[in-house]
Amino acid sequence: GRFTISRDNAKNTVSLQMNSLKPDDTAVYYCAAGGYVSDY
């Protein structure tokens, strides 16, 4: 309800829109890619 993930395949990018941020959201954020993922 606060974050939204999206991708642009043509540009090979993925984004994470983060709204209503809280202090508990403080962290290092990592992007990851998988060839096939059954459990995200």
Full PDB file with SEQRES, HELIX, SHEET, SSBOND, CRYST1, ORIGX, SCALE, CONECT and MASTER records, all heavy atoms in Angstrom:
SEQRES   1 A   40  GLY ARG PHE THR ILE SER ARG ASP ASN ALA LYS ASN THR          
SEQRES   2 A   40  VAL SER LEU GLN MET ASN SER LEU LYS PRO ASP ASP THR          
SEQRES   3 A   40  ALA VAL TYR TYR CYS ALA ALA GLY GLY TYR VAL SER ASP          
SEQRES   4 A   40  TYR                                                          
HELIX    1 AA1 PRO A   23  ASP A   25  5                                   3    
SHEET    1 AA1 2 PHE A   3  ASP A   8  0                                        
SHEET    2 AA1 2 THR A  13  MET A  18 -1                                        
CRYST1    1.000    1.000    1.000  90.00  90.00  90.00 P 1           1          
ORIGX1      1.000000  0.000000  0.000000        0.00000                         
ORIGX2      0.000000  1.000000  0.000000        0.00000                         
ORIGX3      0.000000  0.000000  1.000000        0.00000                         
SCALE1      1.000000  0.000000  0.000000        0.00000                         
SCALE2      0.000000  1.000000  0.000000        0.00000                         
SCALE3      0.000000  0.000000  1.000000        0.00000                         
ATOM      1  N   GLY A   1       0.791  -1.214   0.000  1.00  0.00           N  
ATOM      2  CA  GLY A   1       0.000   0.000   0.000  1.00  0.00           C  
ATOM      3  C   GLY A   1       0.827   1.269   0.000  1.00  0.00           C  
ATOM      4  O   GLY A   1       0.286   2.359  -0.243  1.00  0.00           O  
ATOM      5  N   ARG A   2       2.122   1.144   0.270  1.00  0.00           N  
ATOM      6  CA  ARG A   2       3.015   2.306   0.302  1.00  0.00           C  
ATOM      7  C   ARG A   2       4.055   2.267  -0.814  1.00  0.00           C  
ATOM      8  O   ARG A   2       4.432   3.311  -1.341  1.00  0.00           O  
ATOM      9  CB  ARG A   2       3.734   2.398   1.647  1.00  0.00           C  
ATOM     10  CG  ARG A   2       2.794   2.550   2.837  1.00  0.00           C  
ATOM     11  CD  ARG A   2       3.574   2.846   4.114  1.00  0.00           C  
ATOM     12  NE  ARG A   2       4.466   1.741   4.474  1.00  0.00           N  
ATOM     13  CZ  ARG A   2       5.790   1.861   4.593  1.00  0.00           C  
ATOM     14  NH1 ARG A   2       6.377   3.024   4.378  1.00  0.00           N  
ATOM     15  NH2 ARG A   2       6.530   0.813   4.945  1.00  0.00           N  
ATOM     16  N   PHE A   3       4.526   1.078  -1.158  1.00  0.00           N  
ATOM     17  CA  PHE A   3       5.559   0.913  -2.177  1.00  0.00           C  
ATOM     18  C   PHE A   3       4.954   0.333  -3.448  1.00  0.00           C  
ATOM     19  O   PHE A   3       4.009  -0.462  -3.389  1.00  0.00           O  
ATOM     20  CB  PHE A   3       6.669  -0.023  -1.688  1.00  0.00           C  
ATOM     21  CG  PHE A   3       7.530   0.521  -0.582  1.00  0.00           C  
ATOM     22  CD1 PHE A   3       7.203   1.686   0.085  1.00  0.00           C  
ATOM     23  CD2 PHE A   3       8.679  -0.153  -0.212  1.00  0.00           C  
ATOM     24  CE1 PHE A   3       7.994   2.178   1.105  1.00  0.00           C  
ATOM     25  CE2 PHE A   3       9.483   0.329   0.806  1.00  0.00           C  
ATOM     26  CZ  PHE A   3       9.144   1.489   1.471  1.00  0.00           C  
ATOM     27  N   THR A   4       5.525   0.697  -4.584  1.00  0.00           N  
ATOM     28  CA  THR A   4       5.097   0.167  -5.870  1.00  0.00           C  
ATOM     29  C   THR A   4       6.319  -0.189  -6.707  1.00  0.00           C  
ATOM     30  O   THR A   4       7.188   0.656  -6.923  1.00  0.00           O  
ATOM     31  CB  THR A   4       4.231   1.168  -6.644  1.00  0.00           C  
ATOM     32  OG1 THR A   4       3.084   1.530  -5.861  1.00  0.00           O  
ATOM     33  CG2 THR A   4       3.751   0.554  -7.954  1.00  0.00           C  
ATOM     34  N   ILE A   5       6.376  -1.434  -7.170  1.00  0.00           N  
ATOM     35  CA  ILE A   5       7.462  -1.862  -8.038  1.00  0.00           C  
ATOM     36  C   ILE A   5       6.965  -1.860  -9.483  1.00  0.00           C  
ATOM     37  O   ILE A   5       5.816  -2.200  -9.757  1.00  0.00           O  
ATOM     38  CB  ILE A   5       7.985  -3.253  -7.641  1.00  0.00           C  
ATOM     39  CG1 ILE A   5       9.241  -3.615  -8.440  1.00  0.00           C  
ATOM     40  CG2 ILE A   5       6.913  -4.326  -7.804  1.00  0.00           C  
ATOM     41  CD1 ILE A   5       9.928  -4.886  -7.957  1.00  0.00           C  
ATOM     42  N   SER A   6       7.830  -1.468 -10.396  1.00  0.00           N  
ATOM     43  CA  SER A   6       7.490  -1.453 -11.809  1.00  0.00           C  
ATOM     44  C   SER A   6       8.741  -1.719 -12.627  1.00  0.00           C  
ATOM     45  O   SER A   6       9.861  -1.615 -12.121  1.00  0.00           O  
ATOM     46  CB  SER A   6       6.858  -0.116 -12.213  1.00  0.00           C  
ATOM     47  OG  SER A   6       7.763   0.956 -12.001  1.00  0.00           O  
ATOM     48  N   ARG A   7       8.547  -2.077 -13.886  1.00  0.00           N  
ATOM     49  CA  ARG A   7       9.690  -2.336 -14.755  1.00  0.00           C  
ATOM     50  C   ARG A   7       9.447  -1.775 -16.136  1.00  0.00           C  
ATOM     51  O   ARG A   7       8.320  -1.643 -16.599  1.00  0.00           O  
ATOM     52  CB  ARG A   7       9.986  -3.839 -14.827  1.00  0.00           C  
ATOM     53  CG  ARG A   7       8.944  -4.668 -15.569  1.00  0.00           C  
ATOM     54  CD  ARG A   7       9.208  -6.157 -15.402  1.00  0.00           C  
ATOM     55  NE  ARG A   7      10.544  -6.528 -15.852  1.00  0.00           N  
ATOM     56  CZ  ARG A   7      11.146  -7.667 -15.526  1.00  0.00           C  
ATOM     57  NH1 ARG A   7      10.543  -8.540 -14.726  1.00  0.00           N  
ATOM     58  NH2 ARG A   7      12.361  -7.923 -15.987  1.00  0.00           N  
ATOM     59  N   ASP A   8      10.545  -1.444 -16.793  1.00  0.00           N  
ATOM     60  CA  ASP A   8      10.529  -0.989 -18.172  1.00  0.00           C  
ATOM     61  C   ASP A   8      11.481  -1.904 -18.927  1.00  0.00           C  
ATOM     62  O   ASP A   8      12.697  -1.709 -18.898  1.00  0.00           O  
ATOM     63  CB  ASP A   8      10.959   0.470 -18.276  1.00  0.00           C  
ATOM     64  CG  ASP A   8      10.786   1.034 -19.673  1.00  0.00           C  
ATOM     65  OD1 ASP A   8      10.814   0.266 -20.646  1.00  0.00           O  
ATOM     66  OD2 ASP A   8      10.620   2.269 -19.786  1.00  0.00           O  
ATOM     67  N   ASN A   9      10.932  -2.909 -19.580  1.00  0.00           N  
ATOM     68  CA  ASN A   9      11.767  -3.902 -20.258  1.00  0.00           C  
ATOM     69  C   ASN A   9      12.585  -3.308 -21.393  1.00  0.00           C  
ATOM     70  O   ASN A   9      13.698  -3.760 -21.666  1.00  0.00           O  
ATOM     71  CB  ASN A   9      10.895  -5.042 -20.781  1.00  0.00           C  
ATOM     72  CG  ASN A   9      10.310  -5.881 -19.672  1.00  0.00           C  
ATOM     73  OD1 ASN A   9      10.959  -6.119 -18.650  1.00  0.00           O  
ATOM     74  ND2 ASN A   9       9.093  -6.354 -19.861  1.00  0.00           N  
ATOM     75  N   ALA A  10      12.039  -2.311 -22.067  1.00  0.00           N  
ATOM     76  CA  ALA A  10      12.756  -1.683 -23.163  1.00  0.00           C  
ATOM     77  C   ALA A  10      14.016  -0.982 -22.678  1.00  0.00           C  
ATOM     78  O   ALA A  10      15.011  -0.902 -23.400  1.00  0.00           O  
ATOM     79  CB  ALA A  10      11.853  -0.701 -23.899  1.00  0.00           C  
ATOM     80  N   LYS A  11      13.982  -0.462 -21.460  1.00  0.00           N  
ATOM     81  CA  LYS A  11      15.121   0.250 -20.899  1.00  0.00           C  
ATOM     82  C   LYS A  11      15.933  -0.601 -19.924  1.00  0.00           C  
ATOM     83  O   LYS A  11      16.927  -0.124 -19.377  1.00  0.00           O  
ATOM     84  CB  LYS A  11      14.650   1.518 -20.196  1.00  0.00           C  
ATOM     85  CG  LYS A  11      13.964   2.517 -21.117  1.00  0.00           C  
ATOM     86  CD  LYS A  11      13.515   3.755 -20.359  1.00  0.00           C  
ATOM     87  CE  LYS A  11      12.847   4.755 -21.276  1.00  0.00           C  
ATOM     88  NZ  LYS A  11      12.390   5.967 -20.542  1.00  0.00           N  
ATOM     89  N   ASN A  12      15.501  -1.827 -19.701  1.00  0.00           N  
ATOM     90  CA  ASN A  12      16.182  -2.733 -18.768  1.00  0.00           C  
ATOM     91  C   ASN A  12      16.319  -2.110 -17.380  1.00  0.00           C  
ATOM     92  O   ASN A  12      17.391  -2.127 -16.772  1.00  0.00           O  
ATOM     93  CB  ASN A  12      17.558  -3.125 -19.308  1.00  0.00           C  
ATOM     94  CG  ASN A  12      17.469  -3.966 -20.559  1.00  0.00           C  
ATOM     95  OD1 ASN A  12      16.646  -4.877 -20.650  1.00  0.00           O  
ATOM     96  ND2 ASN A  12      18.322  -3.678 -21.528  1.00  0.00           N  
ATOM     97  N   THR A  13      15.227  -1.568 -16.899  1.00  0.00           N  
ATOM     98  CA  THR A  13      15.231  -0.957 -15.581  1.00  0.00           C  
ATOM     99  C   THR A  13      14.038  -1.438 -14.763  1.00  0.00           C  
ATOM    100  O   THR A  13      13.008  -1.820 -15.305  1.00  0.00           O  
ATOM    101  CB  THR A  13      15.184   0.576 -15.654  1.00  0.00           C  
ATOM    102  OG1 THR A  13      13.996   0.984 -16.345  1.00  0.00           O  
ATOM    103  CG2 THR A  13      16.397   1.122 -16.382  1.00  0.00           C  
ATOM    104  N   VAL A  14      14.208  -1.402 -13.470  1.00  0.00           N  
ATOM    105  CA  VAL A  14      13.127  -1.676 -12.540  1.00  0.00           C  
ATOM    106  C   VAL A  14      13.167  -0.596 -11.471  1.00  0.00           C  
ATOM    107  O   VAL A  14      14.249  -0.162 -11.060  1.00  0.00           O  
ATOM    108  CB  VAL A  14      13.245  -3.086 -11.924  1.00  0.00           C  
ATOM    109  CG1 VAL A  14      14.538  -3.226 -11.127  1.00  0.00           C  
ATOM    110  CG2 VAL A  14      12.041  -3.398 -11.049  1.00  0.00           C  
ATOM    111  N   SER A  15      12.000  -0.145 -11.045  1.00  0.00           N  
ATOM    112  CA  SER A  15      11.918   0.951 -10.094  1.00  0.00           C  
ATOM    113  C   SER A  15      11.124   0.550  -8.873  1.00  0.00           C  
ATOM    114  O   SER A  15      10.322  -0.382  -8.905  1.00  0.00           O  
ATOM    115  CB  SER A  15      11.278   2.181 -10.745  1.00  0.00           C  
ATOM    116  OG  SER A  15      12.043   2.647 -11.830  1.00  0.00           O  
ATOM    117  N   LEU A  16      11.357   1.270  -7.796  1.00  0.00           N  
ATOM    118  CA  LEU A  16      10.603   1.090  -6.563  1.00  0.00           C  
ATOM    119  C   LEU A  16      10.186   2.466  -6.073  1.00  0.00           C  
ATOM    120  O   LEU A  16      11.023   3.238  -5.601  1.00  0.00           O  
ATOM    121  CB  LEU A  16      11.435   0.370  -5.502  1.00  0.00           C  
ATOM    122  CG  LEU A  16      10.703   0.057  -4.196  1.00  0.00           C  
ATOM    123  CD1 LEU A  16       9.637  -1.006  -4.438  1.00  0.00           C  
ATOM    124  CD2 LEU A  16      11.680  -0.410  -3.125  1.00  0.00           C  
ATOM    125  N   GLN A  17       8.907   2.767  -6.222  1.00  0.00           N  
ATOM    126  CA  GLN A  17       8.360   4.015  -5.718  1.00  0.00           C  
ATOM    127  C   GLN A  17       7.972   3.815  -4.265  1.00  0.00           C  
ATOM    128  O   GLN A  17       7.164   2.943  -3.947  1.00  0.00           O  
ATOM    129  CB  GLN A  17       7.144   4.442  -6.539  1.00  0.00           C  
ATOM    130  CG  GLN A  17       6.477   5.717  -6.054  1.00  0.00           C  
ATOM    131  CD  GLN A  17       7.352   6.935  -6.210  1.00  0.00           C  
ATOM    132  OE1 GLN A  17       7.955   7.134  -7.251  1.00  0.00           O  
ATOM    133  NE2 GLN A  17       7.439   7.745  -5.164  1.00  0.00           N  
ATOM    134  N   MET A  18       8.531   4.623  -3.381  1.00  0.00           N  
ATOM    135  CA  MET A  18       8.305   4.484  -1.952  1.00  0.00           C  
ATOM    136  C   MET A  18       7.619   5.736  -1.434  1.00  0.00           C  
ATOM    137  O   MET A  18       8.185   6.829  -1.481  1.00  0.00           O  
ATOM    138  CB  MET A  18       9.623   4.250  -1.211  1.00  0.00           C  
ATOM    139  CG  MET A  18      10.420   3.066  -1.741  1.00  0.00           C  
ATOM    140  SD  MET A  18      11.918   2.731  -0.764  1.00  0.00           S  
ATOM    141  CE  MET A  18      12.844   4.230  -1.111  1.00  0.00           C  
ATOM    142  N   ASN A  19       6.408   5.571  -0.944  1.00  0.00           N  
ATOM    143  CA  ASN A  19       5.633   6.673  -0.395  1.00  0.00           C  
ATOM    144  C   ASN A  19       5.377   6.445   1.092  1.00  0.00           C  
ATOM    145  O   ASN A  19       5.511   5.338   1.596  1.00  0.00           O  
ATOM    146  CB  ASN A  19       4.296   6.813  -1.129  1.00  0.00           C  
ATOM    147  CG  ASN A  19       4.457   7.120  -2.596  1.00  0.00           C  
ATOM    148  OD1 ASN A  19       5.382   7.823  -3.007  1.00  0.00           O  
ATOM    149  ND2 ASN A  19       3.536   6.604  -3.408  1.00  0.00           N  
ATOM    150  N   SER A  20       4.993   7.508   1.770  1.00  0.00           N  
ATOM    151  CA  SER A  20       4.679   7.438   3.199  1.00  0.00           C  
ATOM    152  C   SER A  20       5.780   6.731   3.971  1.00  0.00           C  
ATOM    153  O   SER A  20       5.532   5.834   4.782  1.00  0.00           O  
ATOM    154  CB  SER A  20       3.335   6.733   3.411  1.00  0.00           C  
ATOM    155  OG  SER A  20       2.292   7.410   2.742  1.00  0.00           O  
ATOM    156  N   LEU A  21       6.996   7.143   3.733  1.00  0.00           N  
ATOM    157  CA  LEU A  21       8.146   6.482   4.342  1.00  0.00           C  
ATOM    158  C   LEU A  21       8.157   6.649   5.858  1.00  0.00           C  
ATOM    159  O   LEU A  21       7.766   7.685   6.390  1.00  0.00           O  
ATOM    160  CB  LEU A  21       9.435   7.020   3.744  1.00  0.00           C  
ATOM    161  CG  LEU A  21       9.744   6.498   2.340  1.00  0.00           C  
ATOM    162  CD1 LEU A  21      10.786   7.373   1.657  1.00  0.00           C  
ATOM    163  CD2 LEU A  21      10.228   5.050   2.414  1.00  0.00           C  
ATOM    164  N   LYS A  22       8.626   5.607   6.522  1.00  0.00           N  
ATOM    165  CA  LYS A  22       8.722   5.567   7.971  1.00  0.00           C  
ATOM    166  C   LYS A  22      10.180   5.377   8.379  1.00  0.00           C  
ATOM    167  O   LYS A  22      10.979   4.863   7.602  1.00  0.00           O  
ATOM    168  CB  LYS A  22       7.887   4.408   8.526  1.00  0.00           C  
ATOM    169  CG  LYS A  22       6.442   4.388   8.066  1.00  0.00           C  
ATOM    170  CD  LYS A  22       5.750   3.121   8.550  1.00  0.00           C  
ATOM    171  CE  LYS A  22       4.318   3.057   8.086  1.00  0.00           C  
ATOM    172  NZ  LYS A  22       3.650   1.813   8.547  1.00  0.00           N  
ATOM    173  N   PRO A  23      10.536   5.766   9.604  1.00  0.00           N  
ATOM    174  CA  PRO A  23      11.905   5.511  10.071  1.00  0.00           C  
ATOM    175  C   PRO A  23      12.308   4.047   9.974  1.00  0.00           C  
ATOM    176  O   PRO A  23      13.477   3.747   9.723  1.00  0.00           O  
ATOM    177  CB  PRO A  23      11.866   5.988  11.525  1.00  0.00           C  
ATOM    178  CG  PRO A  23      10.845   7.072  11.520  1.00  0.00           C  
ATOM    179  CD  PRO A  23       9.781   6.591  10.563  1.00  0.00           C  
ATOM    180  N   ASP A  24      11.352   3.132  10.134  1.00  0.00           N  
ATOM    181  CA  ASP A  24      11.644   1.705  10.032  1.00  0.00           C  
ATOM    182  C   ASP A  24      12.015   1.280   8.617  1.00  0.00           C  
ATOM    183  O   ASP A  24      12.502   0.171   8.415  1.00  0.00           O  
ATOM    184  CB  ASP A  24      10.449   0.879  10.513  1.00  0.00           C  
ATOM    185  CG  ASP A  24      10.280   0.896  12.018  1.00  0.00           C  
ATOM    186  OD1 ASP A  24      11.213   1.334  12.716  1.00  0.00           O  
ATOM    187  OD2 ASP A  24       9.214   0.471  12.503  1.00  0.00           O  
ATOM    188  N   ASP A  25      11.787   2.138   7.639  1.00  0.00           N  
ATOM    189  CA  ASP A  25      12.176   1.843   6.270  1.00  0.00           C  
ATOM    190  C   ASP A  25      13.658   2.113   6.025  1.00  0.00           C  
ATOM    191  O   ASP A  25      14.169   1.793   4.948  1.00  0.00           O  
ATOM    192  CB  ASP A  25      11.347   2.664   5.279  1.00  0.00           C  
ATOM    193  CG  ASP A  25       9.880   2.288   5.293  1.00  0.00           C  
ATOM    194  OD1 ASP A  25       9.570   1.079   5.380  1.00  0.00           O  
ATOM    195  OD2 ASP A  25       9.034   3.199   5.207  1.00  0.00           O  
ATOM    196  N   THR A  26      14.331   2.710   6.988  1.00  0.00           N  
ATOM    197  CA  THR A  26      15.753   3.000   6.851  1.00  0.00           C  
ATOM    198  C   THR A  26      16.539   1.713   6.665  1.00  0.00           C  
ATOM    199  O   THR A  26      16.464   0.802   7.490  1.00  0.00           O  
ATOM    200  CB  THR A  26      16.273   3.754   8.077  1.00  0.00           C  
ATOM    201  OG1 THR A  26      15.636   5.031   8.155  1.00  0.00           O  
ATOM    202  CG2 THR A  26      17.776   3.956   7.991  1.00  0.00           C  
ATOM    203  N   ALA A  27      17.278   1.631   5.574  1.00  0.00           N  
ATOM    204  CA  ALA A  27      18.034   0.424   5.253  1.00  0.00           C  
ATOM    205  C   ALA A  27      18.825   0.648   3.976  1.00  0.00           C  
ATOM    206  O   ALA A  27      18.631   1.646   3.272  1.00  0.00           O  
ATOM    207  CB  ALA A  27      17.092  -0.764   5.072  1.00  0.00           C  
ATOM    208  N   VAL A  28      19.701  -0.293   3.683  1.00  0.00           N  
ATOM    209  CA  VAL A  28      20.326  -0.360   2.374  1.00  0.00           C  
ATOM    210  C   VAL A  28      19.420  -1.206   1.499  1.00  0.00           C  
ATOM    211  O   VAL A  28      19.081  -2.333   1.859  1.00  0.00           O  
ATOM    212  CB  VAL A  28      21.736  -0.967   2.432  1.00  0.00           C  
ATOM    213  CG1 VAL A  28      22.309  -1.121   1.026  1.00  0.00           C  
ATOM    214  CG2 VAL A  28      22.649  -0.101   3.287  1.00  0.00           C  
ATOM    215  N   TYR A  29      19.032  -0.679   0.355  1.00  0.00           N  
ATOM    216  CA  TYR A  29      18.125  -1.362  -0.542  1.00  0.00           C  
ATOM    217  C   TYR A  29      18.892  -1.984  -1.695  1.00  0.00           C  
ATOM    218  O   TYR A  29      19.705  -1.322  -2.342  1.00  0.00           O  
ATOM    219  CB  TYR A  29      17.064  -0.393  -1.073  1.00  0.00           C  
ATOM    220  CG  TYR A  29      15.995  -0.084  -0.049  1.00  0.00           C  
ATOM    221  CD1 TYR A  29      16.276   0.685   1.068  1.00  0.00           C  
ATOM    222  CD2 TYR A  29      14.703  -0.592  -0.196  1.00  0.00           C  
ATOM    223  CE1 TYR A  29      15.306   0.947   2.022  1.00  0.00           C  
ATOM    224  CE2 TYR A  29      13.727  -0.329   0.750  1.00  0.00           C  
ATOM    225  CZ  TYR A  29      14.034   0.442   1.859  1.00  0.00           C  
ATOM    226  OH  TYR A  29      13.059   0.700   2.798  1.00  0.00           O  
ATOM    227  N   TYR A  30      18.612  -3.253  -1.950  1.00  0.00           N  
ATOM    228  CA  TYR A  30      19.310  -4.011  -2.978  1.00  0.00           C  
ATOM    229  C   TYR A  30      18.358  -4.453  -4.072  1.00  0.00           C  
ATOM    230  O   TYR A  30      17.249  -4.909  -3.794  1.00  0.00           O  
ATOM    231  CB  TYR A  30      19.964  -5.262  -2.386  1.00  0.00           C  
ATOM    232  CG  TYR A  30      21.021  -4.989  -1.354  1.00  0.00           C  
ATOM    233  CD1 TYR A  30      20.698  -4.898  -0.007  1.00  0.00           C  
ATOM    234  CD2 TYR A  30      22.351  -4.834  -1.734  1.00  0.00           C  
ATOM    235  CE1 TYR A  30      21.667  -4.652   0.946  1.00  0.00           C  
ATOM    236  CE2 TYR A  30      23.330  -4.589  -0.785  1.00  0.00           C  
ATOM    237  CZ  TYR A  30      22.976  -4.506   0.554  1.00  0.00           C  
ATOM    238  OH  TYR A  30      23.944  -4.271   1.499  1.00  0.00           O  
ATOM    239  N   CYS A  31      18.815  -4.343  -5.291  1.00  0.00           N  
ATOM    240  CA  CYS A  31      18.103  -4.856  -6.446  1.00  0.00           C  
ATOM    241  C   CYS A  31      18.625  -6.248  -6.767  1.00  0.00           C  
ATOM    242  O   CYS A  31      19.821  -6.516  -6.637  1.00  0.00           O  
ATOM    243  CB  CYS A  31      18.304  -3.916  -7.636  1.00  0.00           C  
ATOM    244  SG  CYS A  31      17.569  -4.465  -9.187  1.00  0.00           S  
ATOM    245  N   ALA A  32      17.741  -7.156  -7.169  1.00  0.00           N  
ATOM    246  CA  ALA A  32      18.132  -8.522  -7.490  1.00  0.00           C  
ATOM    247  C   ALA A  32      17.396  -9.012  -8.727  1.00  0.00           C  
ATOM    248  O   ALA A  32      16.277  -8.578  -9.011  1.00  0.00           O  
ATOM    249  CB  ALA A  32      17.844  -9.451  -6.304  1.00  0.00           C  
ATOM    250  N   ALA A  33      18.031  -9.937  -9.445  1.00  0.00           N  
ATOM    251  CA  ALA A  33      17.447 -10.515 -10.654  1.00  0.00           C  
ATOM    252  C   ALA A  33      17.585 -12.026 -10.622  1.00  0.00           C  
ATOM    253  O   ALA A  33      18.608 -12.551 -10.179  1.00  0.00           O  
ATOM    254  CB  ALA A  33      18.120  -9.956 -11.905  1.00  0.00           C  
ATOM    255  N   GLY A  34      16.568 -12.723 -11.113  1.00  0.00           N  
ATOM    256  CA  GLY A  34      16.589 -14.176 -11.165  1.00  0.00           C  
ATOM    257  C   GLY A  34      16.088 -14.687 -12.495  1.00  0.00           C  
ATOM    258  O   GLY A  34      15.156 -14.125 -13.076  1.00  0.00           O  
ATOM    259  N   GLY A  35      16.718 -15.762 -12.987  1.00  0.00           N  
ATOM    260  CA  GLY A  35      16.289 -16.346 -14.247  1.00  0.00           C  
ATOM    261  C   GLY A  35      14.896 -16.936 -14.162  1.00  0.00           C  
ATOM    262  O   GLY A  35      14.087 -16.803 -15.068  1.00  0.00           O  
ATOM    263  N   TYR A  36      14.633 -17.599 -13.075  1.00  0.00           N  
ATOM    264  CA  TYR A  36      13.312 -18.136 -12.789  1.00  0.00           C  
ATOM    265  C   TYR A  36      13.138 -18.180 -11.279  1.00  0.00           C  
ATOM    266  O   TYR A  36      13.942 -18.798 -10.578  1.00  0.00           O  
ATOM    267  CB  TYR A  36      13.123 -19.533 -13.376  1.00  0.00           C  
ATOM    268  CG  TYR A  36      11.727 -20.077 -13.182  1.00  0.00           C  
ATOM    269  CD1 TYR A  36      10.701 -19.725 -14.041  1.00  0.00           C  
ATOM    270  CD2 TYR A  36      11.438 -20.926 -12.112  1.00  0.00           C  
ATOM    271  CE1 TYR A  36       9.413 -20.201 -13.853  1.00  0.00           C  
ATOM    272  CE2 TYR A  36      10.161 -21.401 -11.912  1.00  0.00           C  
ATOM    273  CZ  TYR A  36       9.140 -21.039 -12.788  1.00  0.00           C  
ATOM    274  OH  TYR A  36       7.864 -21.517 -12.588  1.00  0.00           O  
ATOM    275  N   VAL A  37      12.115 -17.535 -10.801  1.00  0.00           N  
ATOM    276  CA  VAL A  37      11.849 -17.452  -9.373  1.00  0.00           C  
ATOM    277  C   VAL A  37      10.452 -17.986  -9.093  1.00  0.00           C  
ATOM    278  O   VAL A  37       9.472 -17.477  -9.635  1.00  0.00           O  
ATOM    279  CB  VAL A  37      11.986 -16.006  -8.863  1.00  0.00           C  
ATOM    280  CG1 VAL A  37      11.616 -15.925  -7.384  1.00  0.00           C  
ATOM    281  CG2 VAL A  37      13.397 -15.491  -9.087  1.00  0.00           C  
ATOM    282  N   SER A  38      10.385 -19.002  -8.250  1.00  0.00           N  
ATOM    283  CA  SER A  38       9.097 -19.580  -7.882  1.00  0.00           C  
ATOM    284  C   SER A  38       8.535 -18.950  -6.612  1.00  0.00           C  
ATOM    285  O   SER A  38       7.323 -18.850  -6.454  1.00  0.00           O  
ATOM    286  CB  SER A  38       9.222 -21.088  -7.698  1.00  0.00           C  
ATOM    287  OG  SER A  38      10.163 -21.414  -6.695  1.00  0.00           O  
ATOM    288  N   ASP A  39       9.408 -18.550  -5.708  1.00  0.00           N  
ATOM    289  CA  ASP A  39       9.021 -17.876  -4.476  1.00  0.00           C  
ATOM    290  C   ASP A  39       9.844 -16.604  -4.379  1.00  0.00           C  
ATOM    291  O   ASP A  39      11.042 -16.655  -4.093  1.00  0.00           O  
ATOM    292  CB  ASP A  39       9.254 -18.771  -3.267  1.00  0.00           C  
ATOM    293  CG  ASP A  39       8.696 -18.183  -1.980  1.00  0.00           C  
ATOM    294  OD1 ASP A  39       8.523 -16.951  -1.903  1.00  0.00           O  
ATOM    295  OD2 ASP A  39       8.422 -18.947  -1.042  1.00  0.00           O  
ATOM    296  N   TYR A  40       9.210 -15.481  -4.599  1.00  0.00           N  
ATOM    297  CA  TYR A  40       9.925 -14.218  -4.702  1.00  0.00           C  
ATOM    298  C   TYR A  40      10.532 -13.755  -3.391  1.00  0.00           C  
ATOM    299  O   TYR A  40      11.380 -12.862  -3.397  1.00  0.00           O  
ATOM    300  CB  TYR A  40       8.988 -13.149  -5.269  1.00  0.00           C  
ATOM    301  CG  TYR A  40       8.554 -13.445  -6.674  1.00  0.00           C  
ATOM    302  CD1 TYR A  40       7.377 -14.142  -6.932  1.00  0.00           C  
ATOM    303  CD2 TYR A  40       9.339 -13.050  -7.758  1.00  0.00           C  
ATOM    304  CE1 TYR A  40       6.990 -14.431  -8.227  1.00  0.00           C  
ATOM    305  CE2 TYR A  40       8.956 -13.341  -9.054  1.00  0.00           C  
ATOM    306  CZ  TYR A  40       7.781 -14.034  -9.286  1.00  0.00           C  
ATOM    307  OH  TYR A  40       7.410 -14.323 -10.578  1.00  0.00           O  
TER     308      TYR A  40                                                      
MASTER        0    0    0    1    2    0    0    6  307    1    0    4          
END                                                                             
